[in-house]
Amino acid sequence: KEMVATVVPPLIAWLHERKIEVHVDVETQGCVELNVPCIAREAMGDKI
């Protein structure tokens, strides 16, 4: 949780600034409130 809370939100903002859509997996979403699509790891390959 501590690592996700400090690293992931700025990374998402950085990617969004570059017009890159972001998806996170269920485990990452479960560590901190993120306003991005959350999908299972196995389903990511079709979207990213």
All heavy atoms as atom14 arrays in JSON, in Angstrom:
{
  "sequence": "KEMVATVVPPLIAWLHERKIEVHVDVETQGCVELNVPCIAREAMGDKI",
  "atom14_mask": [
    [1, 1, 1, 1, 1, 1, 1, 1, 1, 0, 0, 0, 0, 0],
    [1, 1, 1, 1, 1, 1, 1, 1, 1, 0, 0, 0, 0, 0],
    [1, 1, 1, 1, 1, 1, 1, 1, 0, 0, 0, 0, 0, 0],
    [1, 1, 1, 1, 1, 1, 1, 0, 0, 0, 0, 0, 0, 0],
    [1, 1, 1, 1, 1, 0, 0, 0, 0, 0, 0, 0, 0, 0],
    [1, 1, 1, 1, 1, 1, 1, 0, 0, 0, 0, 0, 0, 0],
    [1, 1, 1, 1, 1, 1, 1, 0, 0, 0, 0, 0, 0, 0],
    [1, 1, 1, 1, 1, 1, 1, 0, 0, 0, 0, 0, 0, 0],
    [1, 1, 1, 1, 1, 1, 1, 0, 0, 0, 0, 0, 0, 0],
    [1, 1, 1, 1, 1, 1, 1, 0, 0, 0, 0, 0, 0, 0],
    [1, 1, 1, 1, 1, 1, 1, 1, 0, 0, 0, 0, 0, 0],
    [1, 1, 1, 1, 1, 1, 1, 1, 0, 0, 0, 0, 0, 0],
    [1, 1, 1, 1, 1, 0, 0, 0, 0, 0, 0, 0, 0, 0],
    [1, 1, 1, 1, 1, 1, 1, 1, 1, 1, 1, 1, 1, 1],
    [1, 1, 1, 1, 1, 1, 1, 1, 0, 0, 0, 0, 0, 0],
    [1, 1, 1, 1, 1, 1, 1, 1, 1, 1, 0, 0, 0, 0],
    [1, 1, 1, 1, 1, 1, 1, 1, 1, 0, 0, 0, 0, 0],
    [1, 1, 1, 1, 1, 1, 1, 1, 1, 1, 1, 0, 0, 0],
    [1, 1, 1, 1, 1, 1, 1, 1, 1, 0, 0, 0, 0, 0],
    [1, 1, 1, 1, 1, 1, 1, 1, 0, 0, 0, 0, 0, 0],
    [1, 1, 1, 1, 1, 1, 1, 1, 1, 0, 0, 0, 0, 0],
    [1, 1, 1, 1, 1, 1, 1, 0, 0, 0, 0, 0, 0, 0],
    [1, 1, 1, 1, 1, 1, 1, 1, 1, 1, 0, 0, 0, 0],
    [1, 1, 1, 1, 1, 1, 1, 0, 0, 0, 0, 0, 0, 0],
    [1, 1, 1, 1, 1, 1, 1, 1, 0, 0, 0, 0, 0, 0],
    [1, 1, 1, 1, 1, 1, 1, 0, 0, 0, 0, 0, 0, 0],
    [1, 1, 1, 1, 1, 1, 1, 1, 1, 0, 0, 0, 0, 0],
    [1, 1, 1, 1, 1, 1, 1, 0, 0, 0, 0, 0, 0, 0],
    [1, 1, 1, 1, 1, 1, 1, 1, 1, 0, 0, 0, 0, 0],
    [1, 1, 1, 1, 0, 0, 0, 0, 0, 0, 0, 0, 0, 0],
    [1, 1, 1, 1, 1, 1, 0, 0, 0, 0, 0, 0, 0, 0],
    [1, 1, 1, 1, 1, 1, 1, 0, 0, 0, 0, 0, 0, 0],
    [1, 1, 1, 1, 1, 1, 1, 1, 1, 0, 0, 0, 0, 0],
    [1, 1, 1, 1, 1, 1, 1, 1, 0, 0, 0, 0, 0, 0],
    [1, 1, 1, 1, 1, 1, 1, 1, 0, 0, 0, 0, 0, 0],
    [1, 1, 1, 1, 1, 1, 1, 0, 0, 0, 0, 0, 0, 0],
    [1, 1, 1, 1, 1, 1, 1, 0, 0, 0, 0, 0, 0, 0],
    [1, 1, 1, 1, 1, 1, 0, 0, 0, 0, 0, 0, 0, 0],
    [1, 1, 1, 1, 1, 1, 1, 1, 0, 0, 0, 0, 0, 0],
    [1, 1, 1, 1, 1, 0, 0, 0, 0, 0, 0, 0, 0, 0],
    [1, 1, 1, 1, 1, 1, 1, 1, 1, 1, 1, 0, 0, 0],
    [1, 1, 1, 1, 1, 1, 1, 1, 1, 0, 0, 0, 0, 0],
    [1, 1, 1, 1, 1, 0, 0, 0, 0, 0, 0, 0, 0, 0],
    [1, 1, 1, 1, 1, 1, 1, 1, 0, 0, 0, 0, 0, 0],
    [1, 1, 1, 1, 0, 0, 0, 0, 0, 0, 0, 0, 0, 0],
    [1, 1, 1, 1, 1, 1, 1, 1, 0, 0, 0, 0, 0, 0],
    [1, 1, 1, 1, 1, 1, 1, 1, 1, 0, 0, 0, 0, 0],
    [1, 1, 1, 1, 1, 1, 1, 1, 0, 0, 0, 0, 0, 0]
  ],
  "atom14_positions": [
    [[0.8, -1.22, 0.0], [0.0, 0.0, 0.0], [0.84, 1.28, 0.0], [0.57, 2.21, -0.75], [-0.97, -0.01, 1.18], [-1.99, 1.08, 1.11], [-3.06, 0.9, 2.14], [-4.14, 1.93, 1.89], [-5.42, 1.55, 2.29], [0.0, 0.0, 0.0], [0.0, 0.0, 0.0], [0.0, 0.0, 0.0], [0.0, 0.0, 0.0], [0.0, 0.0, 0.0]],
    [[1.88, 1.34, 0.82], [2.69, 2.55, 0.9], [3.37, 2.85, -0.43], [3.43, 3.98, -0.89], [3.76, 2.43, 2.0], [3.22, 2.14, 3.38], [2.88, 0.66, 3.59], [3.58, -0.22, 3.08], [1.88, 0.4, 4.27], [0.0, 0.0, 0.0], [0.0, 0.0, 0.0], [0.0, 0.0, 0.0], [0.0, 0.0, 0.0], [0.0, 0.0, 0.0]],
    [[3.92, 1.82, -1.06], [4.61, 1.99, -2.33], [3.63, 2.41, -3.42], [3.88, 3.33, -4.18], [5.32, 0.7, -2.72], [6.12, 0.76, -4.0], [5.21, 0.4, -5.53], [4.59, -1.22, -5.23], [0.0, 0.0, 0.0], [0.0, 0.0, 0.0], [0.0, 0.0, 0.0], [0.0, 0.0, 0.0], [0.0, 0.0, 0.0], [0.0, 0.0, 0.0]],
    [[2.5, 1.76, -3.49], [1.5, 2.07, -4.51], [1.01, 3.51, -4.34], [0.89, 4.26, -5.29], [0.32, 1.07, -4.46], [-0.78, 1.48, -5.41], [0.81, -0.33, -4.79], [0.0, 0.0, 0.0], [0.0, 0.0, 0.0], [0.0, 0.0, 0.0], [0.0, 0.0, 0.0], [0.0, 0.0, 0.0], [0.0, 0.0, 0.0], [0.0, 0.0, 0.0]],
    [[0.77, 3.92, -3.1], [0.26, 5.26, -2.82], [1.24, 6.35, -3.2], [0.83, 7.43, -3.62], [-0.11, 5.39, -1.35], [0.0, 0.0, 0.0], [0.0, 0.0, 0.0], [0.0, 0.0, 0.0], [0.0, 0.0, 0.0], [0.0, 0.0, 0.0], [0.0, 0.0, 0.0], [0.0, 0.0, 0.0], [0.0, 0.0, 0.0], [0.0, 0.0, 0.0]],
    [[2.53, 6.09, -3.11], [3.51, 7.12, -3.43], [3.97, 7.09, -4.88], [4.32, 8.13, -5.44], [4.76, 7.02, -2.52], [5.35, 5.74, -2.66], [4.4, 7.29, -1.07], [0.0, 0.0, 0.0], [0.0, 0.0, 0.0], [0.0, 0.0, 0.0], [0.0, 0.0, 0.0], [0.0, 0.0, 0.0], [0.0, 0.0, 0.0], [0.0, 0.0, 0.0]],
    [[3.96, 5.93, -5.51], [4.52, 5.81, -6.86], [3.45, 5.87, -7.95], [3.63, 6.54, -8.98], [5.33, 4.49, -6.99], [5.82, 4.29, -8.41], [6.5, 4.5, -6.02], [0.0, 0.0, 0.0], [0.0, 0.0, 0.0], [0.0, 0.0, 0.0], [0.0, 0.0, 0.0], [0.0, 0.0, 0.0], [0.0, 0.0, 0.0], [0.0, 0.0, 0.0]],
    [[2.34, 5.2, -7.76], [1.37, 5.03, -8.84], [0.59, 6.3, -9.21], [0.49, 6.62, -10.39], [0.44, 3.83, -8.56], [-0.65, 3.72, -9.61], [1.26, 2.55, -8.52], [0.0, 0.0, 0.0], [0.0, 0.0, 0.0], [0.0, 0.0, 0.0], [0.0, 0.0, 0.0], [0.0, 0.0, 0.0], [0.0, 0.0, 0.0], [0.0, 0.0, 0.0]],
    [[0.03, 7.05, -8.25], [-0.71, 8.25, -8.67], [0.11, 9.25, -9.51], [-0.37, 9.71, -10.55], [-1.18, 8.86, -7.35], [-1.31, 7.67, -6.45], [-0.14, 6.79, -6.82], [0.0, 0.0, 0.0], [0.0, 0.0, 0.0], [0.0, 0.0, 0.0], [0.0, 0.0, 0.0], [0.0, 0.0, 0.0], [0.0, 0.0, 0.0], [0.0, 0.0, 0.0]],
    [[1.36, 9.56, -9.14], [2.15, 10.45, -10.01], [2.45, 9.82, -11.39], [2.49, 10.54, -12.4], [3.44, 10.7, -9.25], [3.2, 10.26, -7.85], [2.07, 9.28, -7.89], [0.0, 0.0, 0.0], [0.0, 0.0, 0.0], [0.0, 0.0, 0.0], [0.0, 0.0, 0.0], [0.0, 0.0, 0.0], [0.0, 0.0, 0.0], [0.0, 0.0, 0.0]],
    [[2.62, 8.51, -11.42], [2.86, 7.83, -12.69], [1.64, 7.93, -13.59], [1.75, 8.2, -14.79], [3.25, 6.36, -12.45], [3.44, 5.49, -13.68], [4.49, 6.06, -14.62], [3.8, 4.07, -13.27], [0.0, 0.0, 0.0], [0.0, 0.0, 0.0], [0.0, 0.0, 0.0], [0.0, 0.0, 0.0], [0.0, 0.0, 0.0], [0.0, 0.0, 0.0]],
    [[0.46, 7.72, -13.02], [-0.78, 7.84, -13.79], [-0.93, 9.26, -14.33], [-1.25, 9.46, -15.51], [-2.0, 7.43, -12.94], [-1.96, 5.93, -12.66], [-3.3, 7.83, -13.61], [-2.98, 5.44, -11.66], [0.0, 0.0, 0.0], [0.0, 0.0, 0.0], [0.0, 0.0, 0.0], [0.0, 0.0, 0.0], [0.0, 0.0, 0.0], [0.0, 0.0, 0.0]],
    [[-0.67, 10.27, -13.49], [-0.76, 11.67, -13.93], [0.22, 11.94, -15.06], [-0.12, 12.6, -16.05], [-0.51, 12.61, -12.75], [0.0, 0.0, 0.0], [0.0, 0.0, 0.0], [0.0, 0.0, 0.0], [0.0, 0.0, 0.0], [0.0, 0.0, 0.0], [0.0, 0.0, 0.0], [0.0, 0.0, 0.0], [0.0, 0.0, 0.0], [0.0, 0.0, 0.0]],
    [[1.44, 11.43, -14.95], [2.47, 11.61, -15.96], [2.01, 11.01, -17.29], [2.16, 11.62, -18.35], [3.77, 10.97, -15.48], [4.98, 11.27, -16.3], [5.86, 12.28, -16.12], [5.45, 10.51, -17.43], [6.86, 12.21, -17.07], [6.62, 11.13, -17.89], [5.0, 9.38, -18.09], [7.36, 10.66, -18.96], [5.72, 8.91, -19.18], [6.88, 9.54, -19.6]],
    [[1.46, 9.81, -17.24], [0.97, 9.15, -18.46], [-0.22, 9.9, -19.05], [-0.3, 10.09, -20.27], [0.62, 7.69, -18.16], [1.81, 6.78, -17.84], [1.33, 5.48, -17.2], [2.64, 6.51, -19.08], [0.0, 0.0, 0.0], [0.0, 0.0, 0.0], [0.0, 0.0, 0.0], [0.0, 0.0, 0.0], [0.0, 0.0, 0.0], [0.0, 0.0, 0.0]],
    [[-1.14, 10.34, -18.2], [-2.31, 11.09, -18.7], [-1.89, 12.4, -19.36], [-2.49, 12.8, -20.36], [-3.29, 11.36, -17.56], [-4.16, 10.19, -17.24], [-4.87, 10.11, -16.07], [-4.45, 9.05, -17.92], [-5.55, 8.97, -16.04], [-5.3, 8.31, -17.16], [0.0, 0.0, 0.0], [0.0, 0.0, 0.0], [0.0, 0.0, 0.0], [0.0, 0.0, 0.0]],
    [[-0.86, 13.07, -18.83], [-0.34, 14.3, -19.45], [0.13, 14.05, -20.88], [0.12, 14.95, -21.71], [0.82, 14.87, -18.63], [0.4, 15.51, -17.34], [1.59, 15.87, -16.45], [2.75, 15.79, -16.93], [1.36, 16.22, -15.28], [0.0, 0.0, 0.0], [0.0, 0.0, 0.0], [0.0, 0.0, 0.0], [0.0, 0.0, 0.0], [0.0, 0.0, 0.0]],
    [[0.52, 12.84, -21.15], [1.0, 12.45, -22.48], [-0.09, 11.77, -23.3], [0.17, 11.09, -24.27], [2.24, 11.59, -22.35], [3.44, 12.45, -21.99], [4.42, 11.74, -21.09], [5.48, 12.65, -20.7], [5.42, 13.47, -19.65], [4.34, 13.48, -18.88], [6.41, 14.28, -19.35], [0.0, 0.0, 0.0], [0.0, 0.0, 0.0], [0.0, 0.0, 0.0]],
    [[-1.33, 11.92, -22.86], [-2.51, 11.38, -23.55], [-2.49, 9.86, -23.66], [-2.95, 9.29, -24.64], [-2.66, 12.0, -24.95], [-2.62, 13.51, -24.97], [-3.87, 14.09, -24.35], [-3.91, 15.59, -24.54], [-3.77, 16.37, -23.35], [0.0, 0.0, 0.0], [0.0, 0.0, 0.0], [0.0, 0.0, 0.0], [0.0, 0.0, 0.0], [0.0, 0.0, 0.0]],
    [[-1.97, 9.2, -22.64], [-1.93, 7.74, -22.61], [-2.99, 7.25, -21.63], [-3.02, 7.65, -20.47], [-0.53, 7.23, -22.2], [0.49, 7.67, -23.25], [-0.53, 5.71, -22.02], [1.92, 7.39, -22.88], [0.0, 0.0, 0.0], [0.0, 0.0, 0.0], [0.0, 0.0, 0.0], [0.0, 0.0, 0.0], [0.0, 0.0, 0.0], [0.0, 0.0, 0.0]],
    [[-3.87, 6.4, -22.13], [-4.9, 5.77, -21.31], [-4.22, 4.81, -20.34], [-3.27, 4.12, -20.71], [-5.87, 5.03, -22.21], [-7.02, 4.37, -21.52], [-7.9, 3.6, -22.51], [-7.82, 3.85, -23.72], [-8.64, 2.75, -22.03], [0.0, 0.0, 0.0], [0.0, 0.0, 0.0], [0.0, 0.0, 0.0], [0.0, 0.0, 0.0], [0.0, 0.0, 0.0]],
    [[-4.7, 4.74, -19.11], [-4.07, 3.9, -18.09], [-5.08, 2.91, -17.51], [-6.22, 3.27, -17.24], [-3.48, 4.76, -16.95], [-2.86, 3.88, -15.88], [-2.46, 5.76, -17.49], [0.0, 0.0, 0.0], [0.0, 0.0, 0.0], [0.0, 0.0, 0.0], [0.0, 0.0, 0.0], [0.0, 0.0, 0.0], [0.0, 0.0, 0.0], [0.0, 0.0, 0.0]],
    [[-4.64, 1.68, -17.34], [-5.41, 0.63, -16.68], [-4.54, 0.08, -15.55], [-3.33, -0.05, -15.7], [-5.73, -0.52, -17.63], [-6.53, -0.1, -18.82], [-7.9, -0.05, -18.82], [-6.15, 0.31, -20.05], [-8.34, 0.36, -19.98], [-7.29, 0.59, -20.75], [0.0, 0.0, 0.0], [0.0, 0.0, 0.0], [0.0, 0.0, 0.0], [0.0, 0.0, 0.0]],
    [[-5.15, -0.26, -14.44], [-4.44, -0.91, -13.35], [-5.08, -2.26, -13.07], [-6.23, -2.49, -13.42], [-4.41, -0.05, -12.06], [-3.69, 1.26, -12.27], [-5.81, 0.18, -11.51], [0.0, 0.0, 0.0], [0.0, 0.0, 0.0], [0.0, 0.0, 0.0], [0.0, 0.0, 0.0], [0.0, 0.0, 0.0], [0.0, 0.0, 0.0], [0.0, 0.0, 0.0]],
    [[-4.31, -3.14, -12.45], [-4.86, -4.44, -12.09], [-5.6, -4.34, -10.76], [-5.52, -3.33, -10.05], [-3.77, -5.51, -12.06], [-2.78, -5.32, -10.93], [-2.58, -4.17, -10.48], [-2.19, -6.31, -10.49], [0.0, 0.0, 0.0], [0.0, 0.0, 0.0], [0.0, 0.0, 0.0], [0.0, 0.0, 0.0], [0.0, 0.0, 0.0], [0.0, 0.0, 0.0]],
    [[-6.31, -5.38, -10.44], [-7.16, -5.41, -9.25], [-6.33, -5.22, -7.98], [-6.74, -4.49, -7.07], [-7.96, -6.74, -9.19], [-8.76, -6.85, -7.91], [-8.85, -6.86, -10.41], [0.0, 0.0, 0.0], [0.0, 0.0, 0.0], [0.0, 0.0, 0.0], [0.0, 0.0, 0.0], [0.0, 0.0, 0.0], [0.0, 0.0, 0.0], [0.0, 0.0, 0.0]],
    [[-5.14, -5.84, -7.91], [-4.3, -5.73, -6.72], [-3.84, -4.29, -6.5], [-3.81, -3.8, -5.37], [-3.08, -6.66, -6.84], [-3.42, -8.12, -6.79], [-3.84, -8.71, -8.14], [-3.93, -7.96, -9.14], [-4.09, -9.91, -8.19], [0.0, 0.0, 0.0], [0.0, 0.0, 0.0], [0.0, 0.0, 0.0], [0.0, 0.0, 0.0], [0.0, 0.0, 0.0]],
    [[-3.48, -3.6, -7.57], [-3.04, -2.21, -7.46], [-4.2, -1.32, -7.02], [-4.06, -0.49, -6.14], [-2.45, -1.73, -8.8], [-1.36, -2.59, -9.15], [-1.95, -0.3, -8.7], [0.0, 0.0, 0.0], [0.0, 0.0, 0.0], [0.0, 0.0, 0.0], [0.0, 0.0, 0.0], [0.0, 0.0, 0.0], [0.0, 0.0, 0.0], [0.0, 0.0, 0.0]],
    [[-5.35, -1.51, -7.64], [-6.55, -0.73, -7.29], [-6.92, -0.95, -5.82], [-7.37, -0.03, -5.15], [-7.72, -1.12, -8.18], [-9.0, -0.35, -7.89], [-8.96, 1.07, -8.42], [-8.37, 1.31, -9.45], [-9.58, 1.97, -7.71], [0.0, 0.0, 0.0], [0.0, 0.0, 0.0], [0.0, 0.0, 0.0], [0.0, 0.0, 0.0], [0.0, 0.0, 0.0]],
    [[-6.71, -2.16, -5.32], [-7.06, -2.47, -3.94], [-6.17, -1.79, -2.91], [-6.53, -1.7, -1.74], [0.0, 0.0, 0.0], [0.0, 0.0, 0.0], [0.0, 0.0, 0.0], [0.0, 0.0, 0.0], [0.0, 0.0, 0.0], [0.0, 0.0, 0.0], [0.0, 0.0, 0.0], [0.0, 0.0, 0.0], [0.0, 0.0, 0.0], [0.0, 0.0, 0.0]],
    [[-5.02, -1.3, -3.32], [-4.09, -0.66, -2.38], [-4.37, 0.82, -2.17], [-4.02, 1.38, -1.14], [-2.65, -0.83, -2.86], [-2.06, -2.51, -2.71], [0.0, 0.0, 0.0], [0.0, 0.0, 0.0], [0.0, 0.0, 0.0], [0.0, 0.0, 0.0], [0.0, 0.0, 0.0], [0.0, 0.0, 0.0], [0.0, 0.0, 0.0], [0.0, 0.0, 0.0]],
    [[-4.93, 1.47, -3.18], [-5.17, 2.91, -3.09], [-6.3, 3.29, -4.04], [-6.47, 2.65, -5.07], [-3.87, 3.7, -3.4], [-3.42, 3.5, -4.81], [-3.99, 5.16, -3.06], [0.0, 0.0, 0.0], [0.0, 0.0, 0.0], [0.0, 0.0, 0.0], [0.0, 0.0, 0.0], [0.0, 0.0, 0.0], [0.0, 0.0, 0.0], [0.0, 0.0, 0.0]],
    [[-7.07, 4.29, -3.69], [-8.18, 4.76, -4.53], [-7.61, 5.41, -5.78], [-6.94, 6.43, -5.72], [-9.02, 5.76, -3.74], [-10.25, 6.23, -4.46], [-11.39, 5.25, -4.41], [-11.41, 4.4, -3.5], [-12.26, 5.32, -5.28], [0.0, 0.0, 0.0], [0.0, 0.0, 0.0], [0.0, 0.0, 0.0], [0.0, 0.0, 0.0], [0.0, 0.0, 0.0]],
    [[-7.86, 4.8, -6.94], [-7.38, 5.33, -8.21], [-8.56, 5.52, -9.15], [-9.41, 4.66, -9.24], [-6.36, 4.36, -8.84], [-5.1, 4.09, -8.01], [-4.32, 2.93, -8.62], [-4.24, 5.33, -7.92], [0.0, 0.0, 0.0], [0.0, 0.0, 0.0], [0.0, 0.0, 0.0], [0.0, 0.0, 0.0], [0.0, 0.0, 0.0], [0.0, 0.0, 0.0]],
    [[-8.57, 6.62, -9.85], [-9.66, 6.94, -10.76], [-9.29, 6.54, -12.2], [-9.26, 7.38, -13.09], [-10.01, 8.42, -10.67], [-11.33, 8.73, -11.36], [-12.15, 7.85, -11.55], [-11.51, 9.97, -11.73], [0.0, 0.0, 0.0], [0.0, 0.0, 0.0], [0.0, 0.0, 0.0], [0.0, 0.0, 0.0], [0.0, 0.0, 0.0], [0.0, 0.0, 0.0]],
    [[-8.98, 5.27, -12.38], [-8.65, 4.73, -13.69], [-9.31, 3.36, -13.83], [-9.65, 2.74, -12.82], [-7.12, 4.6, -13.91], [-6.46, 5.97, -13.94], [-6.47, 3.72, -12.87], [0.0, 0.0, 0.0], [0.0, 0.0, 0.0], [0.0, 0.0, 0.0], [0.0, 0.0, 0.0], [0.0, 0.0, 0.0], [0.0, 0.0, 0.0], [0.0, 0.0, 0.0]],
    [[-9.49, 2.88, -15.06], [-10.09, 1.55, -15.22], [-9.27, 0.46, -14.54], [-8.04, 0.45, -14.61], [-10.1, 1.35, -16.74], [-10.02, 2.72, -17.32], [-9.23, 3.53, -16.34], [0.0, 0.0, 0.0], [0.0, 0.0, 0.0], [0.0, 0.0, 0.0], [0.0, 0.0, 0.0], [0.0, 0.0, 0.0], [0.0, 0.0, 0.0], [0.0, 0.0, 0.0]],
    [[-9.97, -0.43, -13.88], [-9.36, -1.54, -13.16], [-9.8, -2.84, -13.83], [-11.0, -3.08, -13.97], [-9.79, -1.5, -11.71], [-9.27, -2.91, -10.74], [0.0, 0.0, 0.0], [0.0, 0.0, 0.0], [0.0, 0.0, 0.0], [0.0, 0.0, 0.0], [0.0, 0.0, 0.0], [0.0, 0.0, 0.0], [0.0, 0.0, 0.0], [0.0, 0.0, 0.0]],
    [[-8.84, -3.64, -14.27], [-9.16, -4.91, -14.92], [-8.21, -6.0, -14.42], [-7.13, -5.71, -13.91], [-9.08, -4.8, -16.46], [-7.74, -4.26, -16.92], [-10.19, -3.95, -17.01], [-7.58, -4.15, -18.42], [0.0, 0.0, 0.0], [0.0, 0.0, 0.0], [0.0, 0.0, 0.0], [0.0, 0.0, 0.0], [0.0, 0.0, 0.0], [0.0, 0.0, 0.0]],
    [[-8.61, -7.22, -14.58], [-7.77, -8.35, -14.19], [-6.52, -8.38, -15.07], [-6.55, -7.99, -16.24], [-8.54, -9.66, -14.36], [0.0, 0.0, 0.0], [0.0, 0.0, 0.0], [0.0, 0.0, 0.0], [0.0, 0.0, 0.0], [0.0, 0.0, 0.0], [0.0, 0.0, 0.0], [0.0, 0.0, 0.0], [0.0, 0.0, 0.0], [0.0, 0.0, 0.0]],
    [[-5.41, -8.83, -14.51], [-4.15, -8.89, -15.26], [-4.32, -9.68, -16.57], [-3.79, -9.29, -17.6], [-3.06, -9.56, -14.42], [-2.56, -8.73, -13.3], [-1.48, -9.43, -12.52], [-1.09, -8.61, -11.38], [-0.14, -8.95, -10.53], [0.51, -10.09, -10.69], [0.14, -8.16, -9.52], [0.0, 0.0, 0.0], [0.0, 0.0, 0.0], [0.0, 0.0, 0.0]],
    [[-5.05, -10.78, -16.5], [-5.2, -11.63, -17.67], [-5.94, -10.93, -18.8], [-5.8, -11.3, -19.96], [-5.93, -12.93, -17.29], [-5.17, -13.84, -16.36], [-5.17, -13.38, -14.9], [-5.98, -12.49, -14.53], [-4.32, -13.89, -14.14], [0.0, 0.0, 0.0], [0.0, 0.0, 0.0], [0.0, 0.0, 0.0], [0.0, 0.0, 0.0], [0.0, 0.0, 0.0]],
    [[-6.73, -9.91, -18.5], [-7.51, -9.19, -19.51], [-6.77, -7.96, -20.05], [-7.22, -7.35, -21.02], [-8.86, -8.77, -18.93], [0.0, 0.0, 0.0], [0.0, 0.0, 0.0], [0.0, 0.0, 0.0], [0.0, 0.0, 0.0], [0.0, 0.0, 0.0], [0.0, 0.0, 0.0], [0.0, 0.0, 0.0], [0.0, 0.0, 0.0], [0.0, 0.0, 0.0]],
    [[-5.68, -7.58, -19.43], [-4.97, -6.37, -19.84], [-4.4, -6.45, -21.25], [-4.34, -5.45, -21.95], [-3.84, -6.04, -18.87], [-4.26, -5.28, -17.67], [-2.81, -4.63, -16.82], [-3.6, -3.82, -15.47], [0.0, 0.0, 0.0], [0.0, 0.0, 0.0], [0.0, 0.0, 0.0], [0.0, 0.0, 0.0], [0.0, 0.0, 0.0], [0.0, 0.0, 0.0]],
    [[-3.95, -7.61, -21.66], [-3.28, -7.76, -22.95], [-4.08, -7.26, -24.13], [-3.51, -6.8, -25.12], [0.0, 0.0, 0.0], [0.0, 0.0, 0.0], [0.0, 0.0, 0.0], [0.0, 0.0, 0.0], [0.0, 0.0, 0.0], [0.0, 0.0, 0.0], [0.0, 0.0, 0.0], [0.0, 0.0, 0.0], [0.0, 0.0, 0.0], [0.0, 0.0, 0.0]],
    [[-5.4, -7.32, -24.04], [-6.27, -6.84, -25.12], [-6.43, -5.33, -25.12], [-6.91, -4.76, -26.08], [-7.66, -7.47, -25.0], [-7.65, -8.96, -25.26], [-6.81, -9.42, -26.06], [-8.47, -9.67, -24.65], [0.0, 0.0, 0.0], [0.0, 0.0, 0.0], [0.0, 0.0, 0.0], [0.0, 0.0, 0.0], [0.0, 0.0, 0.0], [0.0, 0.0, 0.0]],
    [[-6.05, -4.66, -24.04], [-6.35, -3.24, -23.88], [-5.13, -2.33, -23.89], [-5.27, -1.12, -23.99], [-7.09, -3.03, -22.56], [-8.31, -3.88, -22.41], [-9.48, -3.06, -21.98], [-10.69, -3.93, -21.8], [-11.7, -3.7, -22.77], [0.0, 0.0, 0.0], [0.0, 0.0, 0.0], [0.0, 0.0, 0.0], [0.0, 0.0, 0.0], [0.0, 0.0, 0.0]],
    [[-3.92, -2.89, -23.74], [-2.74, -2.05, -23.55], [-1.68, -2.28, -24.62], [-1.65, -3.32, -25.27], [-2.12, -2.25, -22.16], [-1.66, -3.7, -21.97], [-3.1, -1.83, -21.07], [-0.89, -3.96, -20.69], [0.0, 0.0, 0.0], [0.0, 0.0, 0.0], [0.0, 0.0, 0.0], [0.0, 0.0, 0.0], [0.0, 0.0, 0.0], [0.0, 0.0, 0.0]]
  ]
}
